[in-house]
Amino acid sequence: MRSIYVFDLDGTLVDSMARYAQGILRVLDEEGIAYDDDLIKVLTPLGYTRSAELYQTMGVPGTVEDIVRRIENNLVTEYANNIPLKAGVGDYLRKRKAEGAELYVLTASPHIVTDICLQNNGVYDLFDRVWSVEDFGIDKGSVKVYEAVADLLHCKTADIHFYDDNLTAVSTAKAAGCHTIAVRDRHTDAEFAAVCAAADAHISSFEELL
């Protein structure tokens, strides 16, 4: 029987949320555009392209491609050099791989930051595939992205163990039929209880699974 594990990147595999928030919100700060404190929760599952589309409605000038490039420029150096794996992640991935599990990434971040971050942390080659929502043109707030992953894997969504720290992503993945595991992230502790309630299971650290 296949063991299929799909992981979010930011806040799940890597400790990146503070730098991600600073980098993506810097575009609004540079334009002097006010935003609610909760905006980062909206942006996290969207991906850079959908975030750029939202930014246009908020008054950020330029094309979607221009705005995406600004976000990438803010973040690529951080992901290449300064963002570590969360505790226990490397050992957990290697344990599952040794057991014959299939490992995948599904993240809202684009490949320009995701791939280099995983490579820098020495775990990129453990994954059978690394997907960004940009590959599908669908954000993690739509059940269609999880169904698309299942189609590519020739499995049912119920066969997928999906790990994420974001409430929207966890709720939507569960609605799509995935077995969902909420992952605690120190930068989003305020909503962890809600994420746990939405998920099938939860962990505070991957060290618990070793």
C-alpha atoms as a PDB file:
ATOM      1  CA  MET A   1       0.000   0.000   0.000  1.00  0.00           C
ATOM      2  CA  ARG A   2       1.334   3.454  -0.901  1.00  0.00           C
ATOM      3  CA  SER A   3       2.234   5.932   1.838  1.00  0.00           C
ATOM      4  CA  ILE A   4       1.805   9.439   0.433  1.00  0.00           C
ATOM      5  CA  TYR A   5       2.873  12.506   2.387  1.00  0.00           C
ATOM      6  CA  VAL A   6       2.398  16.062   1.130  1.00  0.00           C
ATOM      7  CA  PHE A   7       3.932  18.969   3.037  1.00  0.00           C
ATOM      8  CA  ASP A   8       3.481  22.704   3.019  1.00  0.00           C
ATOM      9  CA  LEU A   9       6.751  24.666   3.132  1.00  0.00           C
ATOM     10  CA  ASP A  10       6.394  27.933   5.051  1.00  0.00           C
ATOM     11  CA  GLY A  11       5.648  27.443   8.724  1.00  0.00           C
ATOM     12  CA  THR A  12       5.488  23.677   8.263  1.00  0.00           C
ATOM     13  CA  LEU A  13       8.845  22.398   7.038  1.00  0.00           C
ATOM     14  CA  VAL A  14      10.808  25.611   7.516  1.00  0.00           C
ATOM     15  CA  ASP A  15      10.860  28.451  10.029  1.00  0.00           C
ATOM     16  CA  SER A  16      10.152  31.196   7.526  1.00  0.00           C
ATOM     17  CA  MET A  17       6.943  32.959   8.443  1.00  0.00           C
ATOM     18  CA  ALA A  18       8.476  36.076   9.992  1.00  0.00           C
ATOM     19  CA  ARG A  19      10.734  36.703   7.000  1.00  0.00           C
ATOM     20  CA  TYR A  20       7.954  35.760   4.545  1.00  0.00           C
ATOM     21  CA  ALA A  21       5.587  38.244   6.175  1.00  0.00           C
ATOM     22  CA  GLN A  22       8.190  41.017   6.145  1.00  0.00           C
ATOM     23  CA  GLY A  23       9.094  40.391   2.515  1.00  0.00           C
ATOM     24  CA  ILE A  24       5.606  40.173   1.046  1.00  0.00           C
ATOM     25  CA  LEU A  25       4.157  43.022   3.115  1.00  0.00           C
ATOM     26  CA  ARG A  26       7.128  45.273   2.302  1.00  0.00           C
ATOM     27  CA  VAL A  27       5.553  45.956  -1.084  1.00  0.00           C
ATOM     28  CA  LEU A  28       2.561  47.561   0.620  1.00  0.00           C
ATOM     29  CA  ASP A  29       4.793  49.400   3.067  1.00  0.00           C
ATOM     30  CA  GLU A  30       6.847  50.845   0.209  1.00  0.00           C
ATOM     31  CA  GLU A  31       3.649  52.154  -1.393  1.00  0.00           C
ATOM     32  CA  GLY A  32       2.322  53.557   1.876  1.00  0.00           C
ATOM     33  CA  ILE A  33      -0.776  51.341   1.654  1.00  0.00           C
ATOM     34  CA  ALA A  34      -2.459  50.500   4.953  1.00  0.00           C
ATOM     35  CA  TYR A  35      -3.556  46.942   5.689  1.00  0.00           C
ATOM     36  CA  ASP A  36      -5.091  44.915   8.495  1.00  0.00           C
ATOM     37  CA  ASP A  37      -2.877  42.880  10.815  1.00  0.00           C
ATOM     38  CA  ASP A  38      -4.655  39.721   9.638  1.00  0.00           C
ATOM     39  CA  LEU A  39      -3.783  40.253   5.965  1.00  0.00           C
ATOM     40  CA  ILE A  40      -0.855  37.831   6.161  1.00  0.00           C
ATOM     41  CA  LYS A  41      -3.310  35.010   6.968  1.00  0.00           C
ATOM     42  CA  VAL A  42      -5.100  35.783   3.714  1.00  0.00           C
ATOM     43  CA  LEU A  43      -1.908  36.000   1.674  1.00  0.00           C
ATOM     44  CA  THR A  44      -0.210  32.823   2.957  1.00  0.00           C
ATOM     45  CA  PRO A  45      -2.274  30.250   0.981  1.00  0.00           C
ATOM     46  CA  LEU A  46      -2.577  32.398  -2.155  1.00  0.00           C
ATOM     47  CA  GLY A  47       0.871  32.257  -3.710  1.00  0.00           C
ATOM     48  CA  TYR A  48       2.703  35.240  -5.133  1.00  0.00           C
ATOM     49  CA  THR A  49       0.583  35.619  -8.282  1.00  0.00           C
ATOM     50  CA  ARG A  50      -2.777  35.683  -6.478  1.00  0.00           C
ATOM     51  CA  SER A  51      -1.253  37.956  -3.828  1.00  0.00           C
ATOM     52  CA  ALA A  52      -0.100  40.313  -6.582  1.00  0.00           C
ATOM     53  CA  GLU A  53      -3.624  40.332  -8.038  1.00  0.00           C
ATOM     54  CA  LEU A  54      -4.983  41.256  -4.603  1.00  0.00           C
ATOM     55  CA  TYR A  55      -2.336  43.953  -4.264  1.00  0.00           C
ATOM     56  CA  GLN A  56      -3.507  45.523  -7.509  1.00  0.00           C
ATOM     57  CA  THR A  57      -6.984  45.946  -6.006  1.00  0.00           C
ATOM     58  CA  MET A  58      -5.343  47.637  -3.004  1.00  0.00           C
ATOM     59  CA  GLY A  59      -3.611  50.176  -5.223  1.00  0.00           C
ATOM     60  CA  VAL A  60      -0.154  48.725  -5.877  1.00  0.00           C
ATOM     61  CA  PRO A  61       0.958  49.947  -9.334  1.00  0.00           C
ATOM     62  CA  GLY A  62       2.314  47.734 -12.107  1.00  0.00           C
ATOM     63  CA  THR A  63       1.420  44.462 -13.742  1.00  0.00           C
ATOM     64  CA  VAL A  64       0.993  41.232 -11.810  1.00  0.00           C
ATOM     65  CA  GLU A  65       4.393  40.175 -13.124  1.00  0.00           C
ATOM     66  CA  ASP A  66       5.955  43.424 -11.857  1.00  0.00           C
ATOM     67  CA  ILE A  67       4.510  42.919  -8.375  1.00  0.00           C
ATOM     68  CA  VAL A  68       5.531  39.257  -8.239  1.00  0.00           C
ATOM     69  CA  ARG A  69       9.070  40.278  -9.172  1.00  0.00           C
ATOM     70  CA  ARG A  70       9.124  42.786  -6.318  1.00  0.00           C
ATOM     71  CA  ILE A  71       8.041  40.124  -3.849  1.00  0.00           C
ATOM     72  CA  GLU A  72      10.626  37.673  -5.181  1.00  0.00           C
ATOM     73  CA  ASN A  73      13.379  40.270  -4.957  1.00  0.00           C
ATOM     74  CA  ASN A  74      12.469  40.859  -1.326  1.00  0.00           C
ATOM     75  CA  LEU A  75      12.610  37.159  -0.442  1.00  0.00           C
ATOM     76  CA  VAL A  76      14.964  35.149  -2.637  1.00  0.00           C
ATOM     77  CA  THR A  77      18.137  35.955  -0.671  1.00  0.00           C
ATOM     78  CA  GLU A  78      16.429  35.078   2.596  1.00  0.00           C
ATOM     79  CA  TYR A  79      15.251  31.699   1.326  1.00  0.00           C
ATOM     80  CA  ALA A  80      18.640  30.957  -0.208  1.00  0.00           C
ATOM     81  CA  ASN A  81      20.631  31.681   2.925  1.00  0.00           C
ATOM     82  CA  ASN A  82      18.739  32.384   6.117  1.00  0.00           C
ATOM     83  CA  ILE A  83      15.735  30.075   6.510  1.00  0.00           C
ATOM     84  CA  PRO A  84      16.273  26.817   8.435  1.00  0.00           C
ATOM     85  CA  LEU A  85      14.313  23.606   8.720  1.00  0.00           C
ATOM     86  CA  LYS A  86      12.100  23.356  11.770  1.00  0.00           C
ATOM     87  CA  ALA A  87      13.179  21.001  14.544  1.00  0.00           C
ATOM     88  CA  GLY A  88      12.978  17.313  13.622  1.00  0.00           C
ATOM     89  CA  VAL A  89      11.996  17.894   9.985  1.00  0.00           C
ATOM     90  CA  GLY A  90      15.132  16.484   8.370  1.00  0.00           C
ATOM     91  CA  ASP A  91      15.154  13.365  10.518  1.00  0.00           C
ATOM     92  CA  TYR A  92      11.423  12.806  10.008  1.00  0.00           C
ATOM     93  CA  LEU A  93      11.667  13.098   6.228  1.00  0.00           C
ATOM     94  CA  ARG A  94      14.616  10.701   6.114  1.00  0.00           C
ATOM     95  CA  LYS A  95      12.777   8.248   8.370  1.00  0.00           C
ATOM     96  CA  ARG A  96       9.706   8.221   6.138  1.00  0.00           C
ATOM     97  CA  LYS A  97      11.823   7.958   3.001  1.00  0.00           C
ATOM     98  CA  ALA A  98      13.694   4.972   4.441  1.00  0.00           C
ATOM     99  CA  GLU A  99      10.322   3.327   5.108  1.00  0.00           C
ATOM    100  CA  GLY A 100       9.405   3.694   1.432  1.00  0.00           C
ATOM    101  CA  ALA A 101       7.026   6.634   1.702  1.00  0.00           C
ATOM    102  CA  GLU A 102       6.417   9.038  -1.167  1.00  0.00           C
ATOM    103  CA  LEU A 103       7.237  12.608  -0.155  1.00  0.00           C
ATOM    104  CA  TYR A 104       5.932  15.740  -1.865  1.00  0.00           C
ATOM    105  CA  VAL A 105       5.801  19.477  -1.278  1.00  0.00           C
ATOM    106  CA  LEU A 106       2.788  21.653  -2.097  1.00  0.00           C
ATOM    107  CA  THR A 107       3.488  25.269  -1.250  1.00  0.00           C
ATOM    108  CA  ALA A 108       2.146  28.699  -2.051  1.00  0.00           C
ATOM    109  CA  SER A 109       5.727  29.918  -2.523  1.00  0.00           C
ATOM    110  CA  PRO A 110       7.177  29.815  -6.055  1.00  0.00           C
ATOM    111  CA  HIS A 111      10.024  27.559  -7.149  1.00  0.00           C
ATOM    112  CA  ILE A 112      12.524  30.430  -7.179  1.00  0.00           C
ATOM    113  CA  VAL A 113      12.479  30.442  -3.367  1.00  0.00           C
ATOM    114  CA  THR A 114      11.168  26.967  -2.534  1.00  0.00           C
ATOM    115  CA  ASP A 115      13.703  24.905  -4.447  1.00  0.00           C
ATOM    116  CA  ILE A 116      16.738  26.840  -3.287  1.00  0.00           C
ATOM    117  CA  CYS A 117      15.538  26.755   0.330  1.00  0.00           C
ATOM    118  CA  LEU A 118      15.092  22.973   0.293  1.00  0.00           C
ATOM    119  CA  GLN A 119      18.432  22.543  -1.478  1.00  0.00           C
ATOM    120  CA  ASN A 120      20.212  24.796   1.004  1.00  0.00           C
ATOM    121  CA  ASN A 121      18.812  22.683   3.837  1.00  0.00           C
ATOM    122  CA  GLY A 122      19.867  19.404   2.218  1.00  0.00           C
ATOM    123  CA  VAL A 123      16.410  17.858   1.798  1.00  0.00           C
ATOM    124  CA  TYR A 124      15.373  18.692  -1.780  1.00  0.00           C
ATOM    125  CA  ASP A 125      16.384  15.272  -3.108  1.00  0.00           C
ATOM    126  CA  LEU A 126      14.206  13.497  -0.532  1.00  0.00           C
ATOM    127  CA  PHE A 127      11.065  14.654  -2.335  1.00  0.00           C
ATOM    128  CA  ASP A 128       9.552  12.842  -5.293  1.00  0.00           C
ATOM    129  CA  ARG A 129       8.119  16.144  -6.541  1.00  0.00           C
ATOM    130  CA  VAL A 130       8.050  19.727  -5.344  1.00  0.00           C
ATOM    131  CA  TRP A 131       4.966  21.694  -6.403  1.00  0.00           C
ATOM    132  CA  SER A 132       4.086  25.336  -6.111  1.00  0.00           C
ATOM    133  CA  VAL A 133       0.491  26.476  -6.461  1.00  0.00           C
ATOM    134  CA  GLU A 134       1.872  28.473  -9.399  1.00  0.00           C
ATOM    135  CA  ASP A 135       2.213  25.131 -11.238  1.00  0.00           C
ATOM    136  CA  PHE A 136      -1.553  24.684 -11.056  1.00  0.00           C
ATOM    137  CA  GLY A 137      -2.822  28.256 -11.221  1.00  0.00           C
ATOM    138  CA  ILE A 138      -4.978  27.409  -8.199  1.00  0.00           C
ATOM    139  CA  ASP A 139      -4.405  28.579  -4.636  1.00  0.00           C
ATOM    140  CA  LYS A 140      -4.572  26.435  -1.505  1.00  0.00           C
ATOM    141  CA  GLY A 141      -7.979  27.834  -0.636  1.00  0.00           C
ATOM    142  CA  SER A 142      -9.523  25.740  -3.425  1.00  0.00           C
ATOM    143  CA  VAL A 143     -10.224  22.010  -3.175  1.00  0.00           C
ATOM    144  CA  LYS A 144      -9.228  21.767  -6.840  1.00  0.00           C
ATOM    145  CA  VAL A 145      -5.517  22.025  -6.080  1.00  0.00           C
ATOM    146  CA  TYR A 146      -5.634  18.973  -3.787  1.00  0.00           C
ATOM    147  CA  GLU A 147      -7.706  17.078  -6.323  1.00  0.00           C
ATOM    148  CA  ALA A 148      -5.167  18.003  -9.005  1.00  0.00           C
ATOM    149  CA  VAL A 149      -2.335  16.621  -6.872  1.00  0.00           C
ATOM    150  CA  ALA A 150      -4.275  13.386  -6.340  1.00  0.00           C
ATOM    151  CA  ASP A 151      -4.859  13.097 -10.092  1.00  0.00           C
ATOM    152  CA  LEU A 152      -1.140  13.502 -10.794  1.00  0.00           C
ATOM    153  CA  LEU A 153      -0.333  10.870  -8.182  1.00  0.00           C
ATOM    154  CA  HIS A 154      -3.031   8.502  -9.492  1.00  0.00           C
ATOM    155  CA  CYS A 155      -4.516   8.186  -6.039  1.00  0.00           C
ATOM    156  CA  LYS A 156      -7.532   9.356  -4.060  1.00  0.00           C
ATOM    157  CA  THR A 157      -7.333  12.482  -1.934  1.00  0.00           C
ATOM    158  CA  ALA A 158      -8.089  10.214   1.035  1.00  0.00           C
ATOM    159  CA  ASP A 159      -4.728   8.512   0.430  1.00  0.00           C
ATOM    160  CA  ILE A 160      -2.846  11.760   1.051  1.00  0.00           C
ATOM    161  CA  HIS A 161      -1.462  12.758   4.451  1.00  0.00           C
ATOM    162  CA  PHE A 162      -1.311  16.553   4.237  1.00  0.00           C
ATOM    163  CA  TYR A 163       0.718  18.688   6.683  1.00  0.00           C
ATOM    164  CA  ASP A 164       0.147  22.455   6.956  1.00  0.00           C
ATOM    165  CA  ASP A 165       0.112  25.237   9.553  1.00  0.00           C
ATOM    166  CA  ASN A 166      -2.450  27.463   7.832  1.00  0.00           C
ATOM    167  CA  LEU A 167      -6.146  27.321   8.747  1.00  0.00           C
ATOM    168  CA  THR A 168      -7.421  27.935   5.216  1.00  0.00           C
ATOM    169  CA  ALA A 169      -5.156  25.285   3.709  1.00  0.00           C
ATOM    170  CA  VAL A 170      -5.932  22.672   6.356  1.00  0.00           C
ATOM    171  CA  SER A 171      -9.685  23.280   6.200  1.00  0.00           C
ATOM    172  CA  THR A 172      -9.737  23.131   2.412  1.00  0.00           C
ATOM    173  CA  ALA A 173      -7.523  20.048   2.173  1.00  0.00           C
ATOM    174  CA  LYS A 174      -9.795  18.264   4.626  1.00  0.00           C
ATOM    175  CA  ALA A 175     -12.844  19.319   2.628  1.00  0.00           C
ATOM    176  CA  ALA A 176     -11.129  17.805  -0.416  1.00  0.00           C
ATOM    177  CA  GLY A 177     -10.831  14.501   1.445  1.00  0.00           C
ATOM    178  CA  CYS A 178      -7.182  14.529   2.540  1.00  0.00           C
ATOM    179  CA  HIS A 179      -6.055  13.280   5.944  1.00  0.00           C
ATOM    180  CA  THR A 180      -4.883  16.544   7.482  1.00  0.00           C
ATOM    181  CA  ILE A 181      -2.235  17.176  10.133  1.00  0.00           C
ATOM    182  CA  ALA A 182      -2.010  20.642  11.667  1.00  0.00           C
ATOM    183  CA  VAL A 183       1.537  21.770  12.384  1.00  0.00           C
ATOM    184  CA  ARG A 184       2.224  24.349  15.080  1.00  0.00           C
ATOM    185  CA  ASP A 185       4.190  27.396  14.028  1.00  0.00           C
ATOM    186  CA  ARG A 186       5.410  29.865  16.638  1.00  0.00           C
ATOM    187  CA  HIS A 187       4.471  32.818  14.449  1.00  0.00           C
ATOM    188  CA  THR A 188       0.820  31.761  14.170  1.00  0.00           C
ATOM    189  CA  ASP A 189       0.217  30.408  17.676  1.00  0.00           C
ATOM    190  CA  ALA A 190      -2.890  32.540  18.035  1.00  0.00           C
ATOM    191  CA  GLU A 191      -4.762  30.439  15.486  1.00  0.00           C
ATOM    192  CA  PHE A 192      -3.249  27.033  16.284  1.00  0.00           C
ATOM    193  CA  ALA A 193      -6.292  25.917  18.297  1.00  0.00           C
ATOM    194  CA  ALA A 194      -8.525  26.665  15.320  1.00  0.00           C
ATOM    195  CA  VAL A 195      -6.183  24.825  12.932  1.00  0.00           C
ATOM    196  CA  CYS A 196      -6.154  21.820  15.262  1.00  0.00           C
ATOM    197  CA  ALA A 197      -9.944  21.821  15.406  1.00  0.00           C
ATOM    198  CA  ALA A 198     -10.115  21.799  11.618  1.00  0.00           C
ATOM    199  CA  ALA A 199      -7.556  19.007  11.178  1.00  0.00           C
ATOM    200  CA  ASP A 200      -7.688  15.260  11.713  1.00  0.00           C
ATOM    201  CA  ALA A 201      -4.554  15.355  13.870  1.00  0.00           C
ATOM    202  CA  HIS A 202      -1.972  17.855  15.038  1.00  0.00           C
ATOM    203  CA  ILE A 203       1.660  18.141  16.104  1.00  0.00           C
ATOM    204  CA  SER A 204       3.604  20.833  17.892  1.00  0.00           C
ATOM    205  CA  SER A 205       6.897  19.595  16.436  1.00  0.00           C
ATOM    206  CA  PHE A 206       8.093  16.919  14.014  1.00  0.00           C
ATOM    207  CA  GLU A 207      10.264  15.680  16.875  1.00  0.00           C
ATOM    208  CA  GLU A 208       7.101  14.109  18.277  1.00  0.00           C
ATOM    209  CA  LEU A 209       7.003  11.754  15.288  1.00  0.00           C
ATOM    210  CA  LEU A 210      10.546  10.397  15.577  1.00  0.00           C
END
